[in-house]
Amino acid sequence: MAENLKPRSSVITNGPDRAPSRAMFKAAGFTDEDLSRPIVGVANTWIEIGPCNLHLRRLAAKVKEGIRAAGGTPMEFNTVSISDGISMGAEGMKCSLISREVIADSIELVARGNHFDALVGISGCDKTNPGVVMALARLNIPGLALYGGSIAPGRLAGRDLTIQDVFEAVGAYGRGKINAA
């Protein structure tokens, strides 16, 4: 007996009564062939606001290529992201920890609501990473959490400069060890 590779998505893609669902997918550019394959959600925490998640669109494109090559149909969607590095020390920091739950909730809702057969979650910071993993644990479907990697350093005066250097400079400025110039 052949293994059922569409244990969840067949509920919304197979049969005459699911014609409206297929019509919605087709209006979004999916074909009958796409819908005959396992549907793999690609949860992306891409956001244009900070460097932790900025590159994840490019990574998601590669993930989707791999899913197609393996015989699946990728369906990408976004979730929220808060940058601790930006919100730290400001009112927005209150949103940071909460965002982890919202990320997990949003991924879970999209995956359940669209009956994904599997999920790849792509994340890039200390709140999006656990949010993706929490969603995968709740969903109990085949999945993968893919970390986008560390922030690349900048360059100043011929040497690498990281966010840690900036924090240390703020402290040194506060102690009068360096000036604003």
N, C-alpha and C. Protein backbone atom coordinates (compact mmCIF):
# COMPACT_ATOMS: atom_id res chain seq x y z
N MET A 1 0.84 -1.19 0.00
CA MET A 1 0.00 0.00 0.00
C MET A 1 0.89 1.24 0.00
N ALA A 2 0.57 2.20 -0.84
CA ALA A 2 1.34 3.44 -0.94
C ALA A 2 1.09 4.32 0.28
N GLU A 3 2.14 5.01 0.69
CA GLU A 3 2.03 5.93 1.82
C GLU A 3 1.25 7.18 1.41
N ASN A 4 0.34 7.62 2.27
CA ASN A 4 -0.44 8.83 2.01
C ASN A 4 0.41 10.04 2.37
N LEU A 5 0.88 10.76 1.37
CA LEU A 5 1.72 11.93 1.60
C LEU A 5 0.91 13.21 1.77
N LYS A 6 -0.41 13.10 1.65
CA LYS A 6 -1.30 14.26 1.82
C LYS A 6 -2.34 13.97 2.91
N PRO A 7 -1.89 13.60 4.10
CA PRO A 7 -2.86 13.20 5.13
C PRO A 7 -3.77 14.33 5.59
N ARG A 8 -3.33 15.56 5.45
CA ARG A 8 -4.14 16.69 5.90
C ARG A 8 -4.71 17.47 4.72
N SER A 9 -3.89 17.77 3.73
CA SER A 9 -4.34 18.67 2.65
C SER A 9 -5.38 18.04 1.74
N SER A 10 -5.44 16.72 1.68
CA SER A 10 -6.44 16.09 0.82
C SER A 10 -7.86 16.47 1.24
N VAL A 11 -8.03 16.83 2.50
CA VAL A 11 -9.33 17.26 3.02
C VAL A 11 -9.84 18.50 2.29
N ILE A 12 -8.91 19.35 1.83
CA ILE A 12 -9.33 20.59 1.16
C ILE A 12 -9.03 20.62 -0.33
N THR A 13 -8.37 19.57 -0.84
CA THR A 13 -8.02 19.58 -2.27
C THR A 13 -8.71 18.49 -3.08
N ASN A 14 -9.21 17.45 -2.46
CA ASN A 14 -9.75 16.30 -3.19
C ASN A 14 -11.27 16.28 -3.16
N GLY A 15 -11.86 15.87 -4.28
CA GLY A 15 -13.30 15.65 -4.35
C GLY A 15 -14.06 16.81 -4.96
N PRO A 16 -15.23 16.50 -5.53
CA PRO A 16 -16.05 17.53 -6.17
C PRO A 16 -16.50 18.63 -5.21
N ASP A 17 -16.75 18.27 -3.98
CA ASP A 17 -17.22 19.27 -3.01
C ASP A 17 -16.13 20.26 -2.61
N ARG A 18 -14.88 20.00 -2.97
CA ARG A 18 -13.78 20.91 -2.63
C ARG A 18 -13.41 21.83 -3.79
N ALA A 19 -14.26 21.88 -4.80
CA ALA A 19 -14.01 22.76 -5.95
C ALA A 19 -13.83 24.22 -5.52
N PRO A 20 -14.61 24.74 -4.56
CA PRO A 20 -14.37 26.12 -4.13
C PRO A 20 -12.97 26.33 -3.54
N SER A 21 -12.48 25.36 -2.76
CA SER A 21 -11.13 25.47 -2.20
C SER A 21 -10.09 25.49 -3.31
N ARG A 22 -10.24 24.57 -4.26
CA ARG A 22 -9.30 24.53 -5.39
C ARG A 22 -9.36 25.82 -6.19
N ALA A 23 -10.55 26.37 -6.35
CA ALA A 23 -10.69 27.63 -7.09
C ALA A 23 -9.92 28.75 -6.39
N MET A 24 -9.98 28.80 -5.07
CA MET A 24 -9.24 29.82 -4.32
C MET A 24 -7.73 29.63 -4.50
N PHE A 25 -7.26 28.39 -4.41
CA PHE A 25 -5.84 28.12 -4.64
C PHE A 25 -5.43 28.52 -6.06
N LYS A 26 -6.27 28.18 -7.03
CA LYS A 26 -5.95 28.51 -8.43
C LYS A 26 -5.92 30.01 -8.64
N ALA A 27 -6.79 30.73 -7.96
CA ALA A 27 -6.79 32.20 -8.07
C ALA A 27 -5.49 32.78 -7.52
N ALA A 28 -4.81 32.03 -6.65
CA ALA A 28 -3.52 32.45 -6.09
C ALA A 28 -2.35 31.94 -6.93
N GLY A 29 -2.65 31.24 -8.04
CA GLY A 29 -1.59 30.81 -8.94
C GLY A 29 -1.21 29.34 -8.86
N PHE A 30 -1.85 28.57 -8.01
CA PHE A 30 -1.54 27.14 -7.90
C PHE A 30 -2.29 26.36 -8.98
N THR A 31 -1.69 25.26 -9.43
CA THR A 31 -2.27 24.43 -10.49
C THR A 31 -2.83 23.13 -9.90
N ASP A 32 -3.56 22.38 -10.74
CA ASP A 32 -4.03 21.06 -10.30
C ASP A 32 -2.85 20.18 -9.90
N GLU A 33 -1.77 20.27 -10.67
CA GLU A 33 -0.57 19.48 -10.34
C GLU A 33 -0.01 19.89 -8.97
N ASP A 34 0.05 21.19 -8.70
CA ASP A 34 0.50 21.66 -7.38
C ASP A 34 -0.35 21.06 -6.27
N LEU A 35 -1.66 21.06 -6.48
CA LEU A 35 -2.59 20.61 -5.44
C LEU A 35 -2.62 19.10 -5.29
N SER A 36 -2.04 18.38 -6.25
CA SER A 36 -1.98 16.92 -6.15
C SER A 36 -0.81 16.47 -5.27
N ARG A 37 0.09 17.38 -4.97
CA ARG A 37 1.29 17.07 -4.17
C ARG A 37 1.05 17.42 -2.70
N PRO A 38 1.92 16.91 -1.81
CA PRO A 38 1.85 17.34 -0.40
C PRO A 38 2.06 18.85 -0.30
N ILE A 39 1.25 19.49 0.52
CA ILE A 39 1.37 20.94 0.70
C ILE A 39 2.22 21.20 1.93
N VAL A 40 3.29 21.95 1.72
CA VAL A 40 4.25 22.25 2.78
C VAL A 40 4.22 23.76 3.04
N GLY A 41 3.80 24.13 4.24
CA GLY A 41 3.81 25.54 4.62
C GLY A 41 5.24 26.00 4.85
N VAL A 42 5.52 27.23 4.45
CA VAL A 42 6.82 27.85 4.70
C VAL A 42 6.55 29.11 5.50
N ALA A 43 6.73 28.99 6.81
CA ALA A 43 6.49 30.12 7.72
C ALA A 43 7.75 30.98 7.74
N ASN A 44 7.59 32.23 7.38
CA ASN A 44 8.73 33.12 7.25
C ASN A 44 8.58 34.28 8.22
N THR A 45 9.60 34.50 9.05
CA THR A 45 9.57 35.63 9.98
C THR A 45 10.27 36.85 9.39
N TRP A 46 10.37 36.90 8.06
CA TRP A 46 10.97 38.04 7.38
C TRP A 46 10.28 39.33 7.80
N ILE A 47 11.11 40.34 8.01
CA ILE A 47 10.60 41.68 8.27
C ILE A 47 11.69 42.66 7.83
N GLU A 48 11.30 43.79 7.33
CA GLU A 48 12.24 44.75 6.76
C GLU A 48 12.88 45.64 7.82
N ILE A 49 12.53 45.45 9.06
CA ILE A 49 12.90 46.40 10.10
C ILE A 49 14.30 46.19 10.68
N GLY A 50 14.78 44.97 10.76
CA GLY A 50 16.09 44.74 11.38
C GLY A 50 16.88 43.66 10.68
N PRO A 51 18.18 43.57 10.96
CA PRO A 51 19.06 42.66 10.24
C PRO A 51 18.88 41.18 10.57
N CYS A 52 18.28 40.85 11.70
CA CYS A 52 18.14 39.43 12.07
C CYS A 52 17.29 38.64 11.08
N ASN A 53 16.25 39.27 10.57
CA ASN A 53 15.29 38.58 9.71
C ASN A 53 15.22 39.14 8.29
N LEU A 54 16.03 40.13 8.01
CA LEU A 54 15.96 40.85 6.73
C LEU A 54 16.25 39.96 5.52
N HIS A 55 17.13 39.01 5.66
CA HIS A 55 17.56 38.16 4.54
C HIS A 55 16.70 36.91 4.35
N LEU A 56 15.70 36.73 5.18
CA LEU A 56 14.97 35.47 5.17
C LEU A 56 14.11 35.24 3.93
N ARG A 57 13.77 36.28 3.22
CA ARG A 57 13.03 36.09 1.96
C ARG A 57 13.88 35.31 0.96
N ARG A 58 15.16 35.66 0.88
CA ARG A 58 16.06 34.94 -0.04
C ARG A 58 16.20 33.48 0.38
N LEU A 59 16.30 33.26 1.68
CA LEU A 59 16.41 31.89 2.19
C LEU A 59 15.12 31.12 1.91
N ALA A 60 13.98 31.76 2.09
CA ALA A 60 12.69 31.10 1.82
C ALA A 60 12.57 30.69 0.36
N ALA A 61 13.08 31.50 -0.54
CA ALA A 61 13.04 31.15 -1.97
C ALA A 61 13.79 29.85 -2.22
N LYS A 62 14.93 29.68 -1.56
CA LYS A 62 15.72 28.44 -1.71
C LYS A 62 14.99 27.25 -1.08
N VAL A 63 14.38 27.48 0.08
CA VAL A 63 13.61 26.42 0.73
C VAL A 63 12.47 25.96 -0.19
N LYS A 64 11.79 26.90 -0.80
CA LYS A 64 10.68 26.56 -1.69
C LYS A 64 11.17 25.78 -2.92
N GLU A 65 12.33 26.14 -3.44
CA GLU A 65 12.92 25.37 -4.55
C GLU A 65 13.15 23.93 -4.13
N GLY A 66 13.68 23.74 -2.91
CA GLY A 66 13.94 22.40 -2.40
C GLY A 66 12.67 21.59 -2.20
N ILE A 67 11.63 22.23 -1.71
CA ILE A 67 10.35 21.55 -1.52
C ILE A 67 9.80 21.09 -2.86
N ARG A 68 9.85 21.96 -3.86
CA ARG A 68 9.38 21.59 -5.20
C ARG A 68 10.21 20.42 -5.77
N ALA A 69 11.53 20.50 -5.60
CA ALA A 69 12.41 19.45 -6.12
C ALA A 69 12.13 18.10 -5.45
N ALA A 70 11.66 18.14 -4.20
CA ALA A 70 11.37 16.90 -3.47
C ALA A 70 9.94 16.41 -3.72
N GLY A 71 9.18 17.13 -4.54
CA GLY A 71 7.84 16.67 -4.89
C GLY A 71 6.71 17.29 -4.10
N GLY A 72 7.00 18.35 -3.35
CA GLY A 72 5.95 19.02 -2.59
C GLY A 72 5.56 20.34 -3.22
N THR A 73 4.54 20.95 -2.65
CA THR A 73 4.09 22.27 -3.08
C THR A 73 4.25 23.23 -1.91
N PRO A 74 5.18 24.17 -2.00
CA PRO A 74 5.36 25.13 -0.91
C PRO A 74 4.31 26.23 -0.95
N MET A 75 3.88 26.64 0.23
CA MET A 75 2.98 27.78 0.37
C MET A 75 3.54 28.66 1.48
N GLU A 76 4.09 29.80 1.08
CA GLU A 76 4.78 30.69 2.02
C GLU A 76 3.82 31.68 2.65
N PHE A 77 4.07 31.97 3.92
CA PHE A 77 3.32 33.00 4.62
C PHE A 77 4.23 33.65 5.65
N ASN A 78 3.87 34.85 6.06
CA ASN A 78 4.66 35.61 7.03
C ASN A 78 4.01 35.60 8.40
N THR A 79 4.82 35.92 9.37
CA THR A 79 4.34 36.16 10.72
C THR A 79 5.01 37.44 11.22
N VAL A 80 4.77 37.81 12.45
CA VAL A 80 5.32 39.04 13.00
C VAL A 80 6.74 38.82 13.51
N SER A 81 7.43 39.91 13.79
CA SER A 81 8.76 39.85 14.38
C SER A 81 9.04 41.16 15.08
N ILE A 82 9.62 41.08 16.26
CA ILE A 82 10.04 42.25 17.03
C ILE A 82 11.55 42.14 17.22
N SER A 83 12.27 43.22 17.01
CA SER A 83 13.72 43.22 17.22
C SER A 83 14.04 43.74 18.61
N ASP A 84 14.60 42.87 19.45
CA ASP A 84 15.04 43.30 20.77
C ASP A 84 16.08 44.40 20.67
N GLY A 85 16.95 44.29 19.67
CA GLY A 85 18.00 45.28 19.50
C GLY A 85 17.47 46.67 19.22
N ILE A 86 16.30 46.76 18.61
CA ILE A 86 15.68 48.05 18.33
C ILE A 86 14.82 48.51 19.49
N SER A 87 14.04 47.60 20.07
CA SER A 87 13.07 48.00 21.10
C SER A 87 13.66 48.08 22.50
N MET A 88 14.87 47.56 22.70
CA MET A 88 15.49 47.52 24.02
C MET A 88 15.53 48.90 24.67
N GLY A 89 15.11 48.95 25.93
CA GLY A 89 15.16 50.19 26.69
C GLY A 89 14.05 51.17 26.35
N ALA A 90 13.09 50.75 25.54
CA ALA A 90 11.97 51.60 25.16
C ALA A 90 10.66 50.86 25.44
N GLU A 91 9.57 51.56 25.31
CA GLU A 91 8.24 50.98 25.57
C GLU A 91 8.00 49.72 24.74
N GLY A 92 8.52 49.69 23.52
CA GLY A 92 8.33 48.55 22.63
C GLY A 92 8.90 47.25 23.16
N MET A 93 9.82 47.31 24.12
CA MET A 93 10.41 46.10 24.68
C MET A 93 9.36 45.22 25.35
N LYS A 94 8.27 45.84 25.79
CA LYS A 94 7.19 45.06 26.41
C LYS A 94 6.55 44.10 25.40
N CYS A 95 6.73 44.37 24.14
CA CYS A 95 6.14 43.53 23.09
C CYS A 95 7.02 42.33 22.74
N SER A 96 8.26 42.37 23.11
CA SER A 96 9.22 41.37 22.64
C SER A 96 8.86 39.95 23.07
N LEU A 97 8.72 39.71 24.35
CA LEU A 97 8.44 38.35 24.82
C LEU A 97 7.07 37.89 24.35
N ILE A 98 6.10 38.80 24.35
CA ILE A 98 4.76 38.46 23.87
C ILE A 98 4.80 38.01 22.41
N SER A 99 5.70 38.59 21.64
CA SER A 99 5.76 38.26 20.21
C SER A 99 6.04 36.78 19.98
N ARG A 100 6.75 36.15 20.89
CA ARG A 100 7.05 34.72 20.75
C ARG A 100 5.76 33.90 20.67
N GLU A 101 4.81 34.21 21.54
CA GLU A 101 3.51 33.52 21.54
C GLU A 101 2.71 33.85 20.29
N VAL A 102 2.74 35.13 19.89
CA VAL A 102 1.99 35.54 18.70
C VAL A 102 2.55 34.85 17.45
N ILE A 103 3.86 34.74 17.38
CA ILE A 103 4.49 34.03 16.26
C ILE A 103 4.02 32.58 16.23
N ALA A 104 4.11 31.90 17.38
CA ALA A 104 3.67 30.50 17.45
C ALA A 104 2.19 30.37 17.10
N ASP A 105 1.37 31.26 17.66
CA ASP A 105 -0.07 31.22 17.39
C ASP A 105 -0.36 31.42 15.91
N SER A 106 0.29 32.41 15.30
CA SER A 106 -0.02 32.72 13.89
C SER A 106 0.41 31.58 12.97
N ILE A 107 1.56 30.98 13.25
CA ILE A 107 2.01 29.85 12.44
C ILE A 107 1.04 28.68 12.60
N GLU A 108 0.67 28.41 13.84
CA GLU A 108 -0.26 27.31 14.10
C GLU A 108 -1.60 27.54 13.39
N LEU A 109 -2.12 28.75 13.48
CA LEU A 109 -3.40 29.04 12.84
C LEU A 109 -3.35 28.86 11.33
N VAL A 110 -2.32 29.38 10.70
CA VAL A 110 -2.21 29.26 9.24
C VAL A 110 -2.04 27.79 8.84
N ALA A 111 -1.21 27.06 9.57
CA ALA A 111 -0.96 25.65 9.24
C ALA A 111 -2.21 24.80 9.43
N ARG A 112 -2.91 25.01 10.53
CA ARG A 112 -4.15 24.24 10.77
C ARG A 112 -5.25 24.65 9.80
N GLY A 113 -5.43 25.94 9.63
CA GLY A 113 -6.50 26.44 8.77
C GLY A 113 -6.34 26.05 7.32
N ASN A 114 -5.11 25.87 6.87
CA ASN A 114 -4.85 25.50 5.48
C ASN A 114 -4.47 24.04 5.31
N HIS A 115 -4.55 23.27 6.38
CA HIS A 115 -4.33 21.82 6.34
C HIS A 115 -2.99 21.43 5.73
N PHE A 116 -1.92 22.12 6.13
CA PHE A 116 -0.60 21.78 5.60
C PHE A 116 -0.21 20.37 6.02
N ASP A 117 0.45 19.67 5.12
CA ASP A 117 0.95 18.32 5.42
C ASP A 117 2.26 18.36 6.18
N ALA A 118 3.00 19.44 6.03
CA ALA A 118 4.28 19.62 6.72
C ALA A 118 4.56 21.12 6.78
N LEU A 119 5.59 21.48 7.53
CA LEU A 119 5.90 22.90 7.70
C LEU A 119 7.40 23.11 7.85
N VAL A 120 7.91 24.13 7.19
CA VAL A 120 9.27 24.61 7.43
C VAL A 120 9.14 26.01 7.99
N GLY A 121 9.69 26.24 9.17
CA GLY A 121 9.67 27.56 9.79
C GLY A 121 11.05 28.19 9.68
N ILE A 122 11.11 29.40 9.15
CA ILE A 122 12.39 30.09 8.95
C ILE A 122 12.42 31.29 9.88
N SER A 123 13.46 31.36 10.71
CA SER A 123 13.53 32.43 11.70
C SER A 123 14.96 32.92 11.86
N GLY A 124 15.11 34.05 12.56
CA GLY A 124 16.44 34.62 12.65
C GLY A 124 16.79 35.36 13.91
N CYS A 125 16.02 35.24 14.98
CA CYS A 125 16.41 35.94 16.20
C CYS A 125 15.89 35.21 17.43
N ASP A 126 16.18 35.76 18.59
CA ASP A 126 15.91 35.03 19.83
C ASP A 126 14.44 34.97 20.23
N LYS A 127 13.56 35.62 19.54
CA LYS A 127 12.12 35.45 19.79
C LYS A 127 11.46 34.67 18.66
N THR A 128 11.92 34.89 17.43
CA THR A 128 11.32 34.15 16.32
C THR A 128 11.71 32.68 16.33
N ASN A 129 12.93 32.37 16.76
CA ASN A 129 13.36 30.97 16.82
C ASN A 129 12.46 30.14 17.73
N PRO A 130 12.26 30.54 19.00
CA PRO A 130 11.38 29.73 19.85
C PRO A 130 9.92 29.76 19.37
N GLY A 131 9.48 30.87 18.78
CA GLY A 131 8.12 30.93 18.27
C GLY A 131 7.87 29.87 17.21
N VAL A 132 8.83 29.69 16.31
CA VAL A 132 8.72 28.67 15.27
C VAL A 132 8.71 27.27 15.88
N VAL A 133 9.62 27.03 16.81
CA VAL A 133 9.71 25.70 17.43
C VAL A 133 8.45 25.38 18.24
N MET A 134 7.93 26.37 18.95
CA MET A 134 6.69 26.17 19.71
C MET A 134 5.55 25.78 18.78
N ALA A 135 5.45 26.44 17.63
CA ALA A 135 4.39 26.12 16.67
C ALA A 135 4.54 24.69 16.16
N LEU A 136 5.76 24.30 15.82
CA LEU A 136 5.99 22.94 15.33
C LEU A 136 5.59 21.90 16.37
N ALA A 137 5.91 22.15 17.63
CA ALA A 137 5.55 21.21 18.69
C ALA A 137 4.03 21.10 18.83
N ARG A 138 3.35 22.21 18.74
CA ARG A 138 1.89 22.20 18.86
C ARG A 138 1.22 21.49 17.69
N LEU A 139 1.77 21.66 16.50
CA LEU A 139 1.15 21.12 15.29
C LEU A 139 1.29 19.61 15.16
N ASN A 140 2.41 19.08 15.61
CA ASN A 140 2.66 17.65 15.52
C ASN A 140 2.51 17.14 14.07
N ILE A 141 3.11 17.86 13.14
CA ILE A 141 3.20 17.43 11.75
C ILE A 141 4.69 17.42 11.38
N PRO A 142 5.07 16.73 10.31
CA PRO A 142 6.48 16.78 9.92
C PRO A 142 6.91 18.22 9.72
N GLY A 143 8.05 18.56 10.28
CA GLY A 143 8.48 19.95 10.17
C GLY A 143 9.95 20.14 10.43
N LEU A 144 10.38 21.34 10.13
CA LEU A 144 11.78 21.72 10.29
C LEU A 144 11.84 23.18 10.69
N ALA A 145 12.64 23.47 11.71
CA ALA A 145 12.92 24.86 12.08
C ALA A 145 14.29 25.20 11.50
N LEU A 146 14.32 26.22 10.67
CA LEU A 146 15.56 26.61 10.00
C LEU A 146 15.99 27.98 10.51
N TYR A 147 17.16 28.02 11.15
CA TYR A 147 17.72 29.27 11.67
C TYR A 147 18.48 29.98 10.56
N GLY A 148 18.18 31.24 10.35
CA GLY A 148 18.76 32.01 9.26
C GLY A 148 20.20 32.42 9.47
N GLY A 149 20.76 32.21 10.66
CA GLY A 149 22.16 32.53 10.91
C GLY A 149 22.35 33.83 11.65
N SER A 150 23.56 34.05 12.09
CA SER A 150 23.91 35.24 12.88
C SER A 150 24.03 36.47 11.99
N ILE A 151 23.87 37.62 12.62
CA ILE A 151 24.01 38.88 11.91
C ILE A 151 25.47 39.05 11.50
N ALA A 152 25.69 39.39 10.26
CA ALA A 152 27.05 39.63 9.78
C ALA A 152 27.56 40.95 10.36
N PRO A 153 28.84 41.03 10.69
CA PRO A 153 29.37 42.28 11.23
C PRO A 153 29.48 43.34 10.14
N GLY A 154 29.50 44.58 10.58
CA GLY A 154 29.82 45.68 9.68
C GLY A 154 31.32 45.90 9.69
N ARG A 155 31.77 46.90 8.97
CA ARG A 155 33.20 47.21 8.94
C ARG A 155 33.38 48.69 9.23
N LEU A 156 34.37 49.00 10.08
CA LEU A 156 34.72 50.38 10.39
C LEU A 156 36.22 50.44 10.61
N ALA A 157 36.86 51.34 9.93
CA ALA A 157 38.31 51.55 10.06
C ALA A 157 39.07 50.23 9.89
N GLY A 158 38.63 49.41 8.94
CA GLY A 158 39.35 48.18 8.62
C GLY A 158 39.13 47.02 9.57
N ARG A 159 38.17 47.13 10.48
CA ARG A 159 37.92 45.99 11.38
C ARG A 159 36.42 45.70 11.47
N ASP A 160 36.11 44.46 11.87
CA ASP A 160 34.72 44.08 12.05
C ASP A 160 34.11 44.87 13.20
N LEU A 161 32.86 45.24 13.03
CA LEU A 161 32.12 45.97 14.06
C LEU A 161 30.77 45.28 14.24
N THR A 162 30.49 44.84 15.48
CA THR A 162 29.24 44.13 15.76
C THR A 162 28.34 44.99 16.64
N ILE A 163 27.12 44.52 16.83
CA ILE A 163 26.19 45.22 17.71
C ILE A 163 26.74 45.26 19.14
N GLN A 164 27.50 44.24 19.54
CA GLN A 164 28.12 44.23 20.86
C GLN A 164 29.08 45.41 21.01
N ASP A 165 29.83 45.71 19.97
CA ASP A 165 30.73 46.87 20.00
C ASP A 165 29.94 48.16 20.21
N VAL A 166 28.78 48.26 19.59
CA VAL A 166 27.96 49.46 19.73
C VAL A 166 27.47 49.59 21.17
N PHE A 167 26.99 48.49 21.76
CA PHE A 167 26.56 48.53 23.16
C PHE A 167 27.71 48.93 24.09
N GLU A 168 28.89 48.38 23.85
CA GLU A 168 30.06 48.73 24.66
C GLU A 168 30.42 50.19 24.50
N ALA A 169 30.28 50.72 23.30
CA ALA A 169 30.57 52.14 23.06
C ALA A 169 29.58 53.03 23.80
N VAL A 170 28.32 52.63 23.86
CA VAL A 170 27.32 53.40 24.61
C VAL A 170 27.72 53.45 26.08
N GLY A 171 28.15 52.32 26.63
CA GLY A 171 28.62 52.29 28.02
C GLY A 171 29.85 53.15 28.23
N ALA A 172 30.80 53.07 27.31
CA ALA A 172 32.02 53.88 27.41
C ALA A 172 31.69 55.37 27.31
N TYR A 173 30.75 55.73 26.46
CA TYR A 173 30.32 57.12 26.33
C TYR A 173 29.70 57.60 27.65
N GLY A 174 28.86 56.75 28.24
CA GLY A 174 28.22 57.09 29.51
C GLY A 174 29.22 57.29 30.64
N ARG A 175 30.34 56.61 30.59
CA ARG A 175 31.39 56.74 31.61
C ARG A 175 32.39 57.83 31.27
N GLY A 176 32.19 58.49 30.13
CA GLY A 176 33.09 59.56 29.73
C GLY A 176 34.39 59.08 29.11
N LYS A 177 34.48 57.82 28.74
CA LYS A 177 35.70 57.25 28.17
C LYS A 177 35.87 57.62 26.69
N ILE A 178 34.75 57.87 26.01
CA ILE A 178 34.80 58.31 24.61
C ILE A 178 33.82 59.47 24.43
N ASN A 179 34.00 60.22 23.34
CA ASN A 179 33.06 61.31 23.07
C ASN A 179 32.24 60.97 21.83
N ALA A 180 31.29 61.82 21.50
CA ALA A 180 30.37 61.56 20.38
C ALA A 180 31.06 61.64 19.03
N ALA A 181 32.22 62.24 18.96
CA ALA A 181 32.93 62.36 17.68
C ALA A 181 33.46 61.02 17.29
